[in-house]
Amino acid sequence: MADPAGTEQAAFEPSAIEWQQATCYLNGEWTALTEAKVSVLDRGFIFGDGIYEVIAVDTVDDLRAPFRARQHFARLQRSLDMVRIDNPFSVEHWLNLIAEAIERHPWTRQLVYVQVTRGVAKRDHPFPAGAVPTVFVNTSPWPAIPVAQIEQGVSAVTHADERWLHCDIKSTSLLGNVLMKQYAIDNGASETVMLRDGFLTEGSSTNVSVVKSGVISMPPQTVQILPGITVDGIAHIAQQHGVEVDMRPIAAAELRAADEIWLSSSGREMLAIVSLDGVGVGSGKPGPMYRSMHAWFQQAKALDAQQWAAERAGHLSITRTTQCAA
């Protein structure tokens, strides 16, 4: 079944000219994105031996700010620890770095990409001694999420989760996810919802939540699922508004009997899945809980933007005071 609100690809494809005008940070230097070079012996290239994050930046009430930036860098630290790559920077350094990336570009909406690999070494499987991590940061335009997708929802298809067993690490080794995303596109859908041993895991590039009788249910955080920054935000926001959130295994039968199904990610925020494998979900339209949650999510973004602006103002004030003292 074709996606009722159009495919993700059509909605999120920035012009080549626009994103190629960006500058990027690579190992301590800012350079034109098209001129940045990494060694062919970088373990990120050879083995996919690296970790990444994608942070959404929006302009809310004239404040341009990343959403839940500190949570992203907490997850980055967790993933780096799990694969035993030393984090080259403190959280504050990372925040300053992405702030500079944002300010270097004019786009009101951006997706900031952060990648850390184990570095350059002779091709050999064991961890190399003395390798220096490769650090790459760039940003690209983030087109507005189409109103049609928000108002009408999107379609999804299901597939067995055939990926490796450490999906909780935000690794750059994403071939399994790429194949699942392509499966959705090949079937005219926006997302592939994956099932392992009869239970919901996640989407190819999203977390998946279900709603039944006013309760939001999410799969528990295990090695089979990436801990999502956006879905964690949704859970927190829902609880603030008195909505029950239940984290537990969700069987395939429950998924198909849900009143509402949502997908969520940094780049897509939250969207309602209104068709699953060609069968309508609930009423076949975004449900009442989704509409409330979407509105609350936008309010949370505004509060987060205010906090970011206050923190950056404080940082600039400290920097100026230090410079004057020097």
Foldseek 3Di string as FASTA:
>chain_A
DAKPLAAPCVQWDDDPVQFQQAWKDKPHDIGRPVPDDADCQFCCNVPLAKFKFKWKWAQDPNFTDTDPLLVRVVLRVVLCVVSVADDPDDSVVVLVVVVVQVVRDDARIKIKMWMKGNAGDPDDPDRDPPHDIIIMIHMGHQGDQDPSCAWFNTAEEEDAQPDDQQQQRRTSPLPSLVVQCVVQVVVNTHWYFYDYPQWTEAISAWFKWFAAPQEIEGEADDSSHHPAPLVVVLCVLCVVVVGHYHHHTGGPVNVQQTLWMWIDHNSNNIGTHQYYNRHGRRVSGHDPVSVVSVVSVSVSRNVSSVVSVVVVVVVVVVVVVVVVVD
